[in-house]
Amino acid sequence: MLTPLPSIDRTQQVIDALSSFIESSKLQAGDRLPTERELMTALSVGRSTIREVITYFQALGVMESRKGSGTYLLKPVSKATIHMPLSLDPPHLRDALLQTLEVRRGIECEAGMVAARKRTDEDLVIIEQKLNEMERVHIAKGTSGPEDLAFHLAVYDATHNPLFRQLLEQMRETFERFWDHPFDREDFARRSFPFHRTLFNAIADQDPEAARAETLKILDVVEEDIKEMSK
């Protein structure tokens, strides 16, 4: 049974509560979940929290939303099958960023190459929309962290491999440090800005090696700034 939650750690609590509900209700693949409004009422949380949780489960590949129909289970879920987020907690931000960057290189270079091979025309439109918004905000404010992240997420989605998104969701807290003005520097990784356009061009040209090269240029700038700004 779903019951109202205390007002702390709402997102994780909703994830746990919904996982337990699915398990106890013995819902199976193909079953429809309660509506957003029903979940909001049962758990006493807002619509944005419910949507954040549904997006989380979609990224894990266990749910899908069908327009005009609702949200459906793609595979059985229990609290035991929802993995804990991967995170690092070293004593220094510099070390955390450099360790995470090693993982980003492997994931993002491969994602760029796969996106270049598999992207559709629709994917390209979405990536360019995210890039244009990133450039607009960057020019206006000199920084564009959330828009930068949205651009990279669009590249991940263009791989048509849900594991890229799932990996990011598991490491989101650690990855988001890169877009949260580390070292209190709004100019962090600013020099990587032009390479996002050239990465887009490589994906548009369906050139995997060029996509890998442009991704490495972005991440090389990030590494240089971590080392310089942490002195």
Protein backbone atom coordinates (compact mmCIF):
# COMPACT_ATOMS: atom_id res chain seq x y z
CA MET A 1 0.00 0.00 0.00
CA LEU A 2 1.22 3.51 -0.83
CA THR A 3 1.23 5.97 2.09
CA PRO A 4 2.32 9.62 2.51
CA LEU A 5 6.04 10.21 3.00
CA PRO A 6 7.93 12.47 5.40
CA SER A 7 9.37 15.61 3.78
CA ILE A 8 13.02 14.52 3.46
CA ASP A 9 14.85 12.85 0.56
CA ARG A 10 11.62 12.81 -1.39
CA THR A 11 12.98 11.55 -4.71
CA GLN A 12 14.79 8.54 -3.27
CA GLN A 13 11.84 7.80 -1.01
CA VAL A 14 9.47 7.82 -3.96
CA ILE A 15 11.82 5.49 -5.85
CA ASP A 16 11.83 3.10 -2.89
CA ALA A 17 8.08 3.39 -2.30
CA LEU A 18 7.19 2.81 -5.94
CA SER A 19 9.60 -0.14 -6.17
CA SER A 20 8.03 -1.70 -3.08
CA PHE A 21 4.52 -1.06 -4.42
CA ILE A 22 5.33 -2.74 -7.74
CA GLU A 23 6.83 -5.73 -5.95
CA SER A 24 4.04 -6.14 -3.38
CA SER A 25 1.34 -5.67 -6.04
CA LYS A 26 3.07 -8.30 -8.19
CA LEU A 27 2.95 -6.04 -11.24
CA GLN A 28 4.47 -7.59 -14.34
CA ALA A 29 5.86 -6.36 -17.64
CA GLY A 30 3.06 -4.73 -19.60
CA ASP A 31 1.06 -3.65 -16.54
CA ARG A 32 0.05 -0.01 -16.26
CA LEU A 33 1.19 1.99 -13.24
CA PRO A 34 -1.01 4.38 -11.25
CA THR A 35 -1.44 7.77 -12.89
CA GLU A 36 0.68 10.78 -11.91
CA ARG A 37 -2.24 12.23 -9.98
CA GLU A 38 -2.84 8.96 -8.13
CA LEU A 39 0.84 8.75 -7.18
CA MET A 40 0.89 12.40 -6.09
CA THR A 41 -2.14 11.86 -3.86
CA ALA A 42 -1.00 8.53 -2.42
CA LEU A 43 2.53 9.70 -1.61
CA SER A 44 1.78 13.37 -0.84
CA VAL A 45 4.45 14.64 -3.23
CA GLY A 46 4.42 17.10 -6.12
CA ARG A 47 4.13 16.40 -9.82
CA SER A 48 7.78 17.35 -10.47
CA THR A 49 9.00 14.69 -8.01
CA ILE A 50 6.81 12.02 -9.60
CA ARG A 51 8.06 12.95 -13.07
CA GLU A 52 11.68 12.92 -11.89
CA VAL A 53 11.20 9.40 -10.54
CA ILE A 54 9.47 8.17 -13.70
CA THR A 55 12.33 9.62 -15.76
CA TYR A 56 14.78 7.79 -13.50
CA PHE A 57 13.01 4.46 -14.06
CA GLN A 58 12.79 5.12 -17.79
CA ALA A 59 16.55 5.68 -17.89
CA LEU A 60 16.98 2.30 -16.20
CA GLY A 61 14.88 0.75 -18.96
CA VAL A 62 12.16 -0.59 -16.67
CA MET A 63 9.29 1.78 -17.53
CA GLU A 64 7.95 3.64 -20.53
CA SER A 65 5.38 6.41 -20.87
CA ARG A 66 2.87 6.14 -23.70
CA LYS A 67 1.23 9.35 -24.79
CA GLY A 68 -2.43 9.43 -23.85
CA SER A 69 -2.24 6.02 -22.20
CA GLY A 70 -0.01 6.19 -19.13
CA THR A 71 3.19 4.68 -17.78
CA TYR A 72 3.82 0.96 -18.20
CA LEU A 73 6.21 -1.52 -16.64
CA LEU A 74 8.71 -3.05 -19.07
CA LYS A 75 10.16 -5.55 -16.62
CA PRO A 76 9.63 -6.60 -12.99
CA VAL A 77 11.00 -4.21 -10.37
CA SER A 78 11.87 -4.58 -6.70
CA LYS A 79 13.92 -2.54 -4.24
CA ALA A 80 16.65 -5.14 -4.62
CA THR A 81 16.89 -4.55 -8.38
CA ILE A 82 17.21 -0.75 -8.18
CA HIS A 83 20.93 -0.17 -7.89
CA MET A 84 22.41 2.34 -5.51
CA PRO A 85 24.00 5.32 -7.28
CA LEU A 86 27.72 5.04 -7.90
CA SER A 87 29.63 7.84 -6.23
CA LEU A 88 33.04 8.92 -5.01
CA ASP A 89 33.86 10.67 -1.79
CA PRO A 90 37.59 11.43 -1.76
CA PRO A 91 38.83 14.19 0.55
CA HIS A 92 39.60 16.59 -2.31
CA LEU A 93 37.34 17.73 -5.15
CA ARG A 94 40.33 17.64 -7.51
CA ASP A 95 40.77 13.89 -6.97
CA ALA A 96 37.06 13.19 -7.40
CA LEU A 97 36.92 15.08 -10.68
CA LEU A 98 40.06 13.48 -12.10
CA GLN A 99 38.89 9.98 -11.15
CA THR A 100 35.48 10.60 -12.66
CA LEU A 101 37.07 12.09 -15.77
CA GLU A 102 38.84 8.79 -16.43
CA VAL A 103 35.43 7.13 -16.57
CA ARG A 104 33.91 9.95 -18.63
CA ARG A 105 36.59 9.50 -21.28
CA GLY A 106 35.66 5.88 -21.80
CA ILE A 107 31.91 6.42 -21.78
CA GLU A 108 31.65 9.68 -23.71
CA CYS A 109 34.14 8.82 -26.43
CA GLU A 110 32.28 5.60 -27.10
CA ALA A 111 28.91 7.37 -26.91
CA GLY A 112 30.04 9.94 -29.46
CA MET A 113 31.23 7.25 -31.85
CA VAL A 114 28.07 5.16 -31.49
CA ALA A 115 25.87 8.25 -31.89
CA ALA A 116 27.72 9.13 -35.10
CA ARG A 117 26.99 5.66 -36.47
CA LYS A 118 23.40 5.25 -35.28
CA ARG A 119 21.91 8.73 -35.06
CA THR A 120 18.70 9.43 -36.94
CA ASP A 121 17.62 12.68 -38.51
CA GLU A 122 15.31 13.19 -35.53
CA ASP A 123 18.21 12.66 -33.13
CA LEU A 124 20.21 15.26 -35.01
CA VAL A 125 17.43 17.81 -34.68
CA ILE A 126 17.25 17.24 -30.91
CA ILE A 127 21.04 17.42 -30.44
CA GLU A 128 21.21 20.65 -32.44
CA GLN A 129 18.35 22.15 -30.43
CA LYS A 130 20.25 21.41 -27.22
CA LEU A 131 23.45 22.79 -28.72
CA ASN A 132 21.77 25.98 -29.90
CA GLU A 133 20.31 26.54 -26.44
CA MET A 134 23.69 25.87 -24.85
CA GLU A 135 25.35 28.40 -27.17
CA ARG A 136 22.61 30.98 -26.55
CA VAL A 137 22.95 30.75 -22.77
CA HIS A 138 26.75 30.63 -22.94
CA ILE A 139 26.91 33.80 -25.02
CA ALA A 140 24.43 35.57 -22.73
CA LYS A 141 25.87 34.46 -19.38
CA GLY A 142 29.38 33.18 -20.07
CA THR A 143 28.44 29.80 -18.63
CA SER A 144 25.86 27.13 -19.47
CA GLY A 145 26.20 24.14 -17.13
CA PRO A 146 22.67 22.65 -17.30
CA GLU A 147 22.47 23.25 -21.04
CA ASP A 148 25.87 21.63 -21.54
CA LEU A 149 24.68 18.55 -19.65
CA ALA A 150 21.47 18.45 -21.72
CA PHE A 151 23.58 18.45 -24.90
CA HIS A 152 25.61 15.45 -23.72
CA LEU A 153 22.45 13.61 -22.67
CA ALA A 154 21.06 14.12 -26.18
CA VAL A 155 24.23 12.55 -27.60
CA TYR A 156 23.77 9.59 -25.23
CA ASP A 157 20.18 9.18 -26.41
CA ALA A 158 21.31 9.20 -30.04
CA THR A 159 23.24 5.97 -29.39
CA HIS A 160 19.91 4.13 -29.06
CA ASN A 161 21.58 2.10 -26.33
CA PRO A 162 19.80 2.63 -22.99
CA LEU A 163 22.86 1.48 -21.05
CA PHE A 164 24.59 4.82 -21.69
CA ARG A 165 21.72 6.66 -19.97
CA GLN A 166 21.55 4.06 -17.22
CA LEU A 167 25.25 4.45 -16.47
CA LEU A 168 24.85 8.21 -16.28
CA GLU A 169 21.85 7.91 -13.96
CA GLN A 170 23.88 5.68 -11.64
CA MET A 171 26.71 8.24 -11.63
CA ARG A 172 24.66 11.42 -11.97
CA GLU A 173 25.67 12.93 -8.62
CA THR A 174 29.35 12.44 -9.40
CA PHE A 175 29.08 13.58 -13.03
CA GLU A 176 27.09 16.71 -12.19
CA ARG A 177 30.06 18.13 -10.28
CA PHE A 178 31.55 19.01 -13.67
CA TRP A 179 28.60 21.30 -14.46
CA ASP A 180 28.31 22.89 -11.01
CA HIS A 181 31.12 25.48 -11.21
CA PRO A 182 33.83 23.43 -9.45
CA PHE A 183 36.39 25.46 -7.51
CA ASP A 184 33.83 28.31 -7.58
CA ARG A 185 34.98 29.11 -11.10
CA GLU A 186 32.28 29.97 -13.60
CA ASP A 187 34.90 29.83 -16.34
CA PHE A 188 35.62 26.15 -15.62
CA ALA A 189 35.97 24.30 -18.97
CA ARG A 190 34.88 27.43 -20.85
CA ARG A 191 37.57 26.79 -23.45
CA SER A 192 35.82 23.55 -24.41
CA PHE A 193 32.79 25.49 -25.66
CA PRO A 194 33.71 25.56 -29.41
CA PHE A 195 34.36 21.81 -29.51
CA HIS A 196 30.71 21.03 -28.80
CA ARG A 197 29.80 22.44 -32.22
CA THR A 198 32.54 20.43 -33.92
CA LEU A 199 31.38 17.31 -32.06
CA PHE A 200 27.88 17.93 -33.39
CA ASN A 201 29.28 18.33 -36.90
CA ALA A 202 31.10 15.00 -36.62
CA ILE A 203 27.91 13.26 -35.49
CA ALA A 204 25.98 14.94 -38.30
CA ASP A 205 28.61 13.72 -40.80
CA GLN A 206 28.36 10.22 -39.30
CA ASP A 207 32.12 10.23 -38.70
CA PRO A 208 32.81 8.16 -35.55
CA GLU A 209 36.55 8.86 -35.41
CA ALA A 210 36.01 12.60 -35.70
CA ALA A 211 33.36 12.39 -32.96
CA ARG A 212 35.85 10.63 -30.72
CA ALA A 213 38.54 13.21 -31.46
CA GLU A 214 36.24 16.15 -30.68
CA THR A 215 35.05 14.51 -27.46
CA LEU A 216 38.66 14.08 -26.38
CA LYS A 217 39.31 17.77 -27.05
CA ILE A 218 36.46 18.69 -24.69
CA LEU A 219 37.69 16.36 -21.97
CA ASP A 220 41.33 17.41 -22.37
CA VAL A 221 40.30 21.01 -21.63
CA VAL A 222 38.37 19.79 -18.60
CA GLU A 223 41.43 17.94 -17.30
CA GLU A 224 43.68 20.96 -17.82
CA ASP A 225 41.27 23.20 -15.93
CA ILE A 226 40.92 20.74 -13.04
CA LYS A 227 44.68 20.66 -12.59
CA GLU A 228 45.16 24.41 -13.03
CA MET A 229 42.21 25.66 -10.98
CA SER A 230 42.85 23.29 -8.08
CA LYS A 231 46.34 24.66 -7.38
